[in-house]
Amino acid sequence: MDRTMKKAMYLALVGGLMLVNVQAQTPRRDVLEARPYKPGFFDKDIMKGVEQFEEKQAPQKQKSVFKFDIGKFGWYPKSVDEFTTWWKNQPVSQGNSSTCWSYSTTSYFETEVYRQSKQEVKISEMYTAYWEYVEKARGFVKQRGQSLFDEGSEGNAVVRIYKMYGAVPLEVYSGLLPGQQYHSHEKMVSEMKAYLQSVKSTNAWNEEEVVSTVKSIMNHYMGEPPVKFSVNGREISPKQYLTEVLKLNMDDYIDLTSIMAKPYWSKVEYEVPDNWWHDSTYYNVPLDDYMTVVKQAIRKGYTMMIGGDVSEPGFDPWNQVAVVPTFDIPSEYIDESARMIRFANGSTTDDHGMHLVGYLEKDGKDWFLVKDSGSGSRNCGKESKNFGFYFIHEDYVKLKMMGILVHRDQVKDLLKKFRS
């Protein structure tokens, strides 16, 4: 081979490598698209049979939603089978009730029971929701109507209610009346709120009477929760079920957050409406430490309840994927400031609680498998393996997921740094 041919081949090889390198370094550019409204699991399954459904839902059918164009985003996971996962019950729908906080945290504790004692249990979500409404009613009276009474709450409300009232198996209290397939709390909550407003307008601040009336409303719509029930032929109370059967110690669980505007390495209040009792025991850590806990805990077999914003264009219920599109912020710029400004200006909202149950390392980044009780994760259809799950990219957790509930064993080194 002569020198001229060798030189030509060399230049062709170098040119080809440069082209490959340029293509590899071309930044991803996501595109926003408007999608017409189409009915999903919520419309077709949950709301079937609910009175006045057509009148309430018809206006929404004319709207479009803005989502990122997933067709140009081919490297996301396609199946739950790609993930390393830990034991969990199958996803359960919360129906038409804003009780994701209870469903996600109950699912988390079911997995904790299995992790610690290898028992497969199904705990009632609505037992916890019932007593949370009771405590909200008490708070409303004590604060003379200044305390929020609504459907939402936080994951650590489950910890608080378990300590106060214990827990029960789903089989002894479902919160569903005969013939009901899905929960629908709209009328019940509307009736309770109207009653409490009448209490406020007349200054009828009799706590015992208010709580009794709120209970009677819930008993009508949900049924009355048990005081005693039988487990393995033995009659026990809800508190005995928690400590003697589930063998859960609520003091073992803590909430972790990363909020730049509050002092790190201290316990702070998570200032969102659903933290209606102003709990200030959230352990606040720098964002890198927060993400390290998430990544390391799930690899060691510790799942977690996780909560934050699911209203973004990168959160796609139809494809069950959550990412941060480049037209929002490129991955390399996601940091504490980007996270904080979105929380401060209200573009990061406290929407939804879910149960993080698995992970997948793909192209140098983590994806998390998240079990969900909401309707969007069910749009894929009951026949799909992915029914009731989301695939959430680590960037989305870093930017938009504001808190986790985790066993303190996974943060014991971090806890040593706290001032109080």
Protein backbone atom coordinates (compact mmCIF):
# COMPACT_ATOMS: atom_id res chain seq x y z
CA MET A 1 0.00 0.00 0.00
CA ASP A 2 1.56 3.30 -1.08
CA ARG A 3 1.95 6.39 1.09
CA THR A 4 -0.89 8.30 -0.64
CA MET A 5 -3.40 5.50 -0.03
CA LYS A 6 -2.32 5.14 3.60
CA LYS A 7 -2.77 8.85 4.15
CA ALA A 8 -6.22 8.78 2.57
CA MET A 9 -7.27 5.87 4.77
CA TYR A 10 -5.91 7.59 7.86
CA LEU A 11 -7.78 10.80 7.10
CA ALA A 12 -10.99 8.85 6.46
CA LEU A 13 -10.62 7.03 9.80
CA VAL A 14 -9.94 10.24 11.72
CA GLY A 15 -12.83 11.95 9.99
CA GLY A 16 -15.16 9.09 10.88
CA LEU A 17 -14.08 9.15 14.54
CA MET A 18 -14.59 12.90 14.68
CA LEU A 19 -18.07 12.52 13.22
CA VAL A 20 -18.95 9.85 15.78
CA ASN A 21 -17.55 12.03 18.57
CA VAL A 22 -19.53 15.07 17.39
CA GLN A 23 -22.71 13.00 17.19
CA ALA A 24 -22.09 11.55 20.66
CA GLN A 25 -21.64 15.02 22.11
CA THR A 26 -24.73 16.50 20.45
CA PRO A 27 -26.94 17.51 23.38
CA ARG A 28 -30.41 16.04 23.67
CA ARG A 29 -33.18 18.50 22.86
CA ASP A 30 -36.62 17.51 24.07
CA VAL A 31 -39.73 18.86 22.36
CA LEU A 32 -43.04 19.87 23.89
CA GLU A 33 -46.24 18.62 22.27
CA ALA A 34 -49.93 19.29 22.83
CA ARG A 35 -51.91 16.11 23.30
CA PRO A 36 -55.70 16.00 23.01
CA TYR A 37 -57.56 14.79 26.06
CA LYS A 38 -58.41 11.12 26.03
CA PRO A 39 -60.19 9.14 28.75
CA GLY A 40 -58.03 6.85 30.85
CA PHE A 41 -58.43 4.54 33.81
CA PHE A 42 -60.00 7.26 35.95
CA ASP A 43 -62.79 7.92 33.46
CA LYS A 44 -63.38 4.37 32.27
CA ASP A 45 -63.06 2.43 35.53
CA ILE A 46 -63.03 4.52 38.69
CA MET A 47 -65.74 7.02 37.81
CA LYS A 48 -68.05 4.52 36.16
CA GLY A 49 -71.35 4.65 37.98
CA VAL A 50 -70.57 7.79 39.99
CA GLU A 51 -73.54 10.17 39.90
CA GLN A 52 -73.33 13.11 37.47
CA PHE A 53 -70.09 11.77 36.00
CA GLU A 54 -70.84 12.97 32.47
CA GLU A 55 -71.68 16.49 33.58
CA LYS A 56 -68.53 16.80 35.67
CA GLN A 57 -66.13 15.30 33.18
CA ALA A 58 -67.43 16.62 29.85
CA PRO A 59 -65.56 19.99 29.94
CA GLN A 60 -62.23 18.25 30.49
CA LYS A 61 -62.63 16.23 27.31
CA GLN A 62 -62.19 19.40 25.26
CA LYS A 63 -58.80 20.27 26.74
CA SER A 64 -55.30 19.44 25.55
CA VAL A 65 -52.35 18.79 27.82
CA PHE A 66 -48.71 19.67 27.21
CA LYS A 67 -46.20 16.85 27.58
CA PHE A 68 -42.71 16.23 26.28
CA ASP A 69 -42.51 14.24 23.04
CA ILE A 70 -41.60 10.79 24.28
CA GLY A 71 -41.23 9.54 20.72
CA LYS A 72 -37.87 11.29 20.57
CA PHE A 73 -36.82 9.81 23.90
CA GLY A 74 -36.03 6.16 23.23
CA TRP A 75 -33.78 5.28 26.12
CA TYR A 76 -36.35 5.04 28.90
CA PRO A 77 -37.27 1.66 30.50
CA LYS A 78 -40.18 -0.22 28.99
CA SER A 79 -40.98 -2.87 31.59
CA VAL A 80 -40.92 -3.54 35.32
CA ASP A 81 -38.90 -6.64 34.45
CA GLU A 82 -35.85 -4.44 33.79
CA PHE A 83 -35.67 -3.36 37.43
CA THR A 84 -34.16 -4.87 40.54
CA THR A 85 -37.08 -4.86 42.97
CA TRP A 86 -37.91 -5.85 46.53
CA TRP A 87 -41.01 -7.58 47.87
CA LYS A 88 -44.20 -5.56 47.69
CA ASN A 89 -47.91 -6.19 47.37
CA GLN A 90 -49.49 -5.57 44.00
CA PRO A 91 -50.57 -1.96 43.36
CA VAL A 92 -53.98 -0.96 44.77
CA SER A 93 -56.11 1.90 43.43
CA GLN A 94 -57.08 4.75 45.75
CA GLY A 95 -60.14 5.36 43.57
CA ASN A 96 -61.63 8.83 43.65
CA SER A 97 -60.07 9.78 46.98
CA SER A 98 -57.09 11.99 47.75
CA THR A 99 -55.48 9.42 50.02
CA CYS A 100 -52.22 8.73 48.17
CA TRP A 101 -50.38 9.63 51.40
CA SER A 102 -52.04 6.66 53.13
CA TYR A 103 -51.78 4.21 50.22
CA SER A 104 -48.11 4.90 49.54
CA THR A 105 -47.05 4.78 53.19
CA THR A 106 -49.18 1.73 53.97
CA SER A 107 -47.56 -0.05 51.02
CA TYR A 108 -44.16 0.97 52.37
CA PHE A 109 -44.94 -0.46 55.81
CA GLU A 110 -46.23 -3.69 54.28
CA THR A 111 -42.83 -4.07 52.62
CA GLU A 112 -41.11 -3.20 55.89
CA VAL A 113 -43.03 -5.95 57.66
CA TYR A 114 -41.84 -8.43 55.05
CA ARG A 115 -38.25 -7.14 55.19
CA GLN A 116 -38.11 -7.54 58.96
CA SER A 117 -40.24 -10.61 59.69
CA LYS A 118 -41.03 -12.15 56.25
CA GLN A 119 -44.77 -11.80 56.81
CA GLU A 120 -46.94 -11.00 53.80
CA VAL A 121 -49.66 -8.70 55.11
CA LYS A 122 -52.24 -6.35 53.61
CA ILE A 123 -52.95 -3.39 55.90
CA SER A 124 -56.05 -1.18 55.67
CA GLU A 125 -55.36 2.24 54.16
CA MET A 126 -58.80 3.59 55.01
CA TYR A 127 -58.56 2.81 58.70
CA THR A 128 -55.70 5.31 58.81
CA ALA A 129 -57.59 7.82 56.66
CA TYR A 130 -60.63 7.58 58.95
CA TRP A 131 -58.67 8.51 62.06
CA GLU A 132 -56.74 11.21 60.24
CA TYR A 133 -60.05 12.92 59.46
CA VAL A 134 -60.95 12.64 63.14
CA GLU A 135 -57.67 14.34 64.11
CA LYS A 136 -58.22 17.02 61.49
CA ALA A 137 -61.62 17.73 63.00
CA ARG A 138 -60.01 18.01 66.45
CA GLY A 139 -57.42 20.39 65.03
CA PHE A 140 -60.15 22.46 63.39
CA VAL A 141 -61.88 22.91 66.75
CA LYS A 142 -58.69 23.59 68.71
CA GLN A 143 -57.57 26.21 66.15
CA ARG A 144 -61.06 27.72 65.92
CA GLY A 145 -61.36 26.99 62.22
CA GLN A 146 -57.84 28.09 61.26
CA SER A 147 -56.55 24.53 60.73
CA LEU A 148 -56.97 23.01 57.27
CA PHE A 149 -59.64 20.34 56.89
CA ASP A 150 -59.37 18.65 53.50
CA GLU A 151 -58.50 15.33 51.88
CA GLY A 152 -54.71 15.45 51.63
CA SER A 153 -52.04 14.69 54.21
CA GLU A 154 -48.42 13.57 54.45
CA GLY A 155 -46.79 10.16 54.74
CA ASN A 156 -45.75 10.76 58.32
CA ALA A 157 -49.42 11.14 59.23
CA VAL A 158 -49.52 7.35 58.97
CA VAL A 159 -46.74 7.13 61.55
CA ARG A 160 -48.66 9.49 63.84
CA ILE A 161 -51.98 7.66 63.42
CA TYR A 162 -50.37 4.25 63.96
CA LYS A 163 -48.94 5.51 67.24
CA MET A 164 -52.34 6.85 68.33
CA TYR A 165 -54.77 4.27 66.95
CA GLY A 166 -52.77 1.27 65.73
CA ALA A 167 -53.48 -0.50 62.44
CA VAL A 168 -55.82 -3.20 61.13
CA PRO A 169 -55.77 -5.74 58.29
CA LEU A 170 -57.57 -4.75 55.10
CA GLU A 171 -59.90 -7.71 55.46
CA VAL A 172 -61.46 -6.33 58.63
CA TYR A 173 -61.85 -2.73 57.37
CA SER A 174 -61.81 -1.80 53.69
CA GLY A 175 -63.76 1.47 53.92
CA LEU A 176 -65.95 0.23 51.05
CA LEU A 177 -69.66 -0.32 51.43
CA PRO A 178 -71.32 -3.41 49.91
CA GLY A 179 -71.31 -3.20 46.12
CA GLN A 180 -68.60 -0.51 45.93
CA GLN A 181 -65.53 -1.30 43.83
CA TYR A 182 -63.63 1.97 44.26
CA HIS A 183 -63.55 4.65 46.94
CA SER A 184 -65.24 7.96 46.15
CA HIS A 185 -64.93 10.51 48.96
CA GLU A 186 -66.17 13.61 47.20
CA LYS A 187 -69.62 13.72 48.80
CA MET A 188 -68.35 12.62 52.21
CA VAL A 189 -65.66 15.29 52.38
CA SER A 190 -68.03 17.96 51.07
CA GLU A 191 -70.53 17.08 53.79
CA MET A 192 -67.90 17.16 56.56
CA LYS A 193 -66.51 20.49 55.36
CA ALA A 194 -69.97 22.04 55.20
CA TYR A 195 -70.68 20.87 58.74
CA LEU A 196 -67.40 22.28 60.06
CA GLN A 197 -68.07 25.63 58.41
CA SER A 198 -71.43 25.73 60.20
CA VAL A 199 -69.58 25.03 63.46
CA LYS A 200 -67.26 27.94 62.73
CA SER A 201 -70.04 30.35 61.77
CA THR A 202 -71.98 29.61 64.97
CA ASN A 203 -68.95 29.31 67.28
CA ALA A 204 -70.17 25.85 68.35
CA TRP A 205 -66.72 24.70 69.47
CA ASN A 206 -67.72 21.56 71.33
CA GLU A 207 -64.91 19.17 70.44
CA GLU A 208 -66.66 15.99 71.57
CA GLU A 209 -69.80 16.85 69.61
CA VAL A 210 -67.85 17.86 66.48
CA VAL A 211 -65.80 14.66 66.48
CA SER A 212 -68.91 12.56 67.05
CA THR A 213 -70.69 14.20 64.10
CA VAL A 214 -67.69 13.81 61.78
CA LYS A 215 -67.49 10.13 62.75
CA SER A 216 -71.18 9.63 62.02
CA ILE A 217 -70.73 11.10 58.53
CA MET A 218 -67.79 8.80 57.83
CA ASN A 219 -69.60 5.79 59.28
CA HIS A 220 -72.35 6.39 56.72
CA TYR A 221 -69.95 6.55 53.77
CA MET A 222 -67.15 4.22 54.89
CA GLY A 223 -68.49 2.04 57.68
CA GLU A 224 -67.33 2.07 61.29
CA PRO A 225 -63.78 0.81 61.97
CA PRO A 226 -63.34 -2.12 64.37
CA VAL A 227 -62.23 -1.87 67.97
CA LYS A 228 -61.38 -5.58 68.23
CA PHE A 229 -60.89 -8.26 65.59
CA SER A 230 -59.56 -11.78 65.26
CA VAL A 231 -56.12 -12.71 63.94
CA ASN A 232 -55.12 -16.38 63.91
CA GLY A 233 -57.99 -17.19 66.26
CA ARG A 234 -57.01 -14.52 68.78
CA GLU A 235 -58.98 -11.36 69.45
CA ILE A 236 -56.75 -8.29 69.49
CA SER A 237 -56.90 -4.50 69.29
CA PRO A 238 -55.45 -2.33 66.48
CA LYS A 239 -52.54 -1.33 68.72
CA GLN A 240 -51.78 -4.96 69.48
CA TYR A 241 -51.88 -5.73 65.76
CA LEU A 242 -49.27 -3.02 65.14
CA THR A 243 -46.83 -4.07 67.85
CA GLU A 244 -47.43 -7.81 68.25
CA VAL A 245 -48.28 -8.92 64.71
CA LEU A 246 -46.73 -6.35 62.39
CA LYS A 247 -43.94 -5.76 64.92
CA LEU A 248 -43.32 -2.25 63.65
CA ASN A 249 -41.66 0.39 65.81
CA MET A 250 -42.79 3.80 64.58
CA ASP A 251 -39.79 5.48 66.18
CA ASP A 252 -37.60 3.73 63.60
CA TYR A 253 -38.91 5.88 60.75
CA ILE A 254 -37.94 9.40 59.83
CA ASP A 255 -38.68 11.94 57.10
CA LEU A 256 -35.81 13.29 55.05
CA THR A 257 -35.98 16.42 52.92
CA SER A 258 -33.64 18.85 51.19
CA ILE A 259 -34.79 22.46 51.35
CA MET A 260 -32.04 24.99 50.68
CA ALA A 261 -33.89 27.91 52.32
CA LYS A 262 -33.85 26.19 55.71
CA PRO A 263 -30.75 25.30 57.72
CA TYR A 264 -29.18 21.99 56.79
CA TRP A 265 -28.46 19.46 59.55
CA SER A 266 -31.50 20.52 61.54
CA LYS A 267 -35.12 19.40 61.81
CA VAL A 268 -37.49 21.71 59.97
CA GLU A 269 -41.15 22.17 59.08
CA TYR A 270 -42.22 21.08 55.61
CA GLU A 271 -44.34 24.11 54.75
CA VAL A 272 -47.10 22.77 52.53
CA PRO A 273 -50.89 22.74 53.14
CA ASP A 274 -51.06 18.96 53.58
CA ASN A 275 -48.73 19.23 56.58
CA TRP A 276 -51.76 20.69 58.31
CA TRP A 277 -50.45 19.96 61.83
CA HIS A 278 -47.17 21.81 61.07
CA ASP A 279 -44.90 18.88 61.77
CA SER A 280 -41.33 20.15 62.12
CA THR A 281 -39.41 16.89 62.40
CA TYR A 282 -38.23 16.68 58.78
CA TYR A 283 -34.49 16.06 58.71
CA ASN A 284 -33.05 18.60 56.29
CA VAL A 285 -29.89 17.58 54.41
CA PRO A 286 -27.95 18.87 51.39
CA LEU A 287 -29.21 17.59 48.06
CA ASP A 288 -26.23 15.35 47.35
CA ASP A 289 -26.74 13.58 50.68
CA TYR A 290 -30.47 13.28 49.98
CA MET A 291 -29.82 11.58 46.63
CA THR A 292 -27.14 9.34 48.12
CA VAL A 293 -29.66 8.04 50.66
CA VAL A 294 -32.18 7.27 47.92
CA LYS A 295 -29.63 5.45 45.77
CA GLN A 296 -27.90 3.52 48.52
CA ALA A 297 -31.02 2.56 50.47
CA ILE A 298 -32.82 0.97 47.52
CA ARG A 299 -29.69 -0.99 46.58
CA LYS A 300 -29.52 -2.40 50.11
CA GLY A 301 -33.12 -3.60 50.05
CA TYR A 302 -34.70 -0.63 51.83
CA THR A 303 -37.69 0.78 49.97
CA MET A 304 -39.15 4.19 50.85
CA MET A 305 -42.23 6.35 50.62
CA ILE A 306 -41.51 9.31 48.34
CA GLY A 307 -43.57 12.45 47.72
CA GLY A 308 -43.55 15.54 45.55
CA ASP A 309 -44.69 17.01 42.24
CA VAL A 310 -46.33 14.94 39.49
CA SER A 311 -47.85 17.82 37.49
CA GLU A 312 -44.89 18.41 35.15
CA PRO A 313 -44.79 17.96 31.34
CA GLY A 314 -42.04 15.39 31.94
CA PHE A 315 -44.39 13.28 34.06
CA ASP A 316 -46.24 11.18 31.50
CA PRO A 317 -49.04 8.91 32.83
CA TRP A 318 -49.72 7.37 29.43
CA ASN A 319 -46.15 6.12 29.06
CA GLN A 320 -45.55 5.82 32.84
CA VAL A 321 -42.28 7.73 32.63
CA ALA A 322 -41.08 10.74 34.63
CA VAL A 323 -38.10 12.75 33.36
CA VAL A 324 -36.88 16.34 33.40
CA PRO A 325 -37.02 17.60 29.78
CA THR A 326 -34.20 19.77 28.49
CA PHE A 327 -36.64 22.63 27.81
CA ASP A 328 -37.18 22.75 31.59
CA ILE A 329 -33.55 22.44 32.70
CA PRO A 330 -30.65 20.34 31.38
CA SER A 331 -29.48 17.55 33.66
CA GLU A 332 -26.12 19.11 34.50
CA TYR A 333 -27.81 22.24 35.90
CA ILE A 334 -30.10 20.46 38.36
CA ASP A 335 -28.82 21.49 41.78
CA GLU A 336 -30.02 22.87 45.11
CA SER A 337 -30.78 26.29 43.64
CA ALA A 338 -32.85 24.86 40.79
CA ARG A 339 -34.76 22.68 43.24
CA MET A 340 -35.32 25.51 45.73
CA ILE A 341 -36.55 28.19 43.31
CA ARG A 342 -39.20 25.83 41.95
CA PHE A 343 -40.44 25.03 45.44
CA ALA A 344 -40.38 28.69 46.48
CA ASN A 345 -42.30 29.99 43.46
CA GLY A 346 -44.88 27.21 43.55
CA SER A 347 -43.91 25.43 40.34
CA THR A 348 -42.92 22.44 42.47
CA THR A 349 -46.04 21.40 44.31
CA ASP A 350 -46.79 18.77 46.92
CA ASP A 351 -49.07 16.60 44.77
CA HIS A 352 -48.62 12.93 45.36
CA GLY A 353 -47.12 10.17 47.47
CA MET A 354 -45.77 6.91 46.01
CA HIS A 355 -43.74 3.88 47.06
CA LEU A 356 -40.25 3.52 45.60
CA VAL A 357 -39.61 -0.23 45.27
CA GLY A 358 -36.81 -0.81 42.78
CA TYR A 359 -33.97 0.57 40.66
CA LEU A 360 -32.29 0.24 37.29
CA GLU A 361 -28.91 1.66 36.33
CA LYS A 362 -29.03 2.63 32.66
CA ASP A 363 -26.53 4.71 30.69
CA GLY A 364 -24.84 5.82 33.89
CA LYS A 365 -28.04 7.11 35.51
CA ASP A 366 -30.55 5.57 37.89
CA TRP A 367 -34.19 4.93 37.13
CA PHE A 368 -36.52 4.12 40.01
CA LEU A 369 -39.50 1.79 39.92
CA VAL A 370 -42.33 3.43 41.81
CA LYS A 371 -45.54 1.71 42.89
CA ASP A 372 -48.53 4.03 42.63
CA SER A 373 -52.14 4.16 43.82
CA GLY A 374 -53.23 6.91 41.39
CA SER A 375 -55.15 6.42 38.18
CA GLY A 376 -52.55 7.61 35.66
CA SER A 377 -50.24 4.66 36.26
CA ARG A 378 -53.12 2.40 35.23
CA ASN A 379 -53.74 3.86 31.79
CA CYS A 380 -51.63 1.06 30.28
CA GLY A 381 -54.42 -1.42 31.02
CA LYS A 382 -54.91 -4.20 33.56
CA GLU A 383 -53.28 -6.75 31.27
CA SER A 384 -49.93 -4.90 31.34
CA LYS A 385 -47.14 -5.89 33.75
CA ASN A 386 -46.58 -2.17 34.24
CA PHE A 387 -50.11 -1.59 35.60
CA GLY A 388 -49.80 0.62 38.69
CA PHE A 389 -46.12 1.56 38.28
CA TYR A 390 -44.01 4.50 37.09
CA PHE A 391 -40.43 4.63 35.83
CA ILE A 392 -38.89 7.76 37.36
CA HIS A 393 -35.49 9.12 36.32
CA GLU A 394 -33.09 10.21 39.04
CA ASP A 395 -33.11 13.78 37.72
CA TYR A 396 -36.83 13.98 38.39
CA VAL A 397 -36.36 12.79 41.97
CA LYS A 398 -33.53 15.28 42.44
CA LEU A 399 -35.54 18.25 41.13
CA LYS A 400 -39.16 17.50 42.02
CA MET A 401 -39.50 14.89 44.79
CA MET A 402 -39.40 16.81 48.05
CA GLY A 403 -39.31 14.17 50.75
CA ILE A 404 -38.85 10.52 51.66
CA LEU A 405 -39.88 8.37 54.61
CA VAL A 406 -37.16 5.83 55.35
CA HIS A 407 -35.91 3.55 58.12
CA ARG A 408 -33.41 5.36 60.33
CA ASP A 409 -30.85 2.55 59.87
CA GLN A 410 -30.24 3.92 56.39
CA VAL A 411 -29.40 7.41 57.64
CA LYS A 412 -27.69 6.72 60.97
CA ASP A 413 -24.42 8.27 59.78
CA LEU A 414 -26.25 11.39 58.67
CA LEU A 415 -28.16 11.63 61.94
CA LYS A 416 -24.88 12.09 63.82
CA LYS A 417 -24.47 15.45 62.08
CA PHE A 418 -27.74 16.90 63.35
CA ARG A 419 -27.64 19.58 65.98
CA SER A 420 -30.86 18.47 67.65
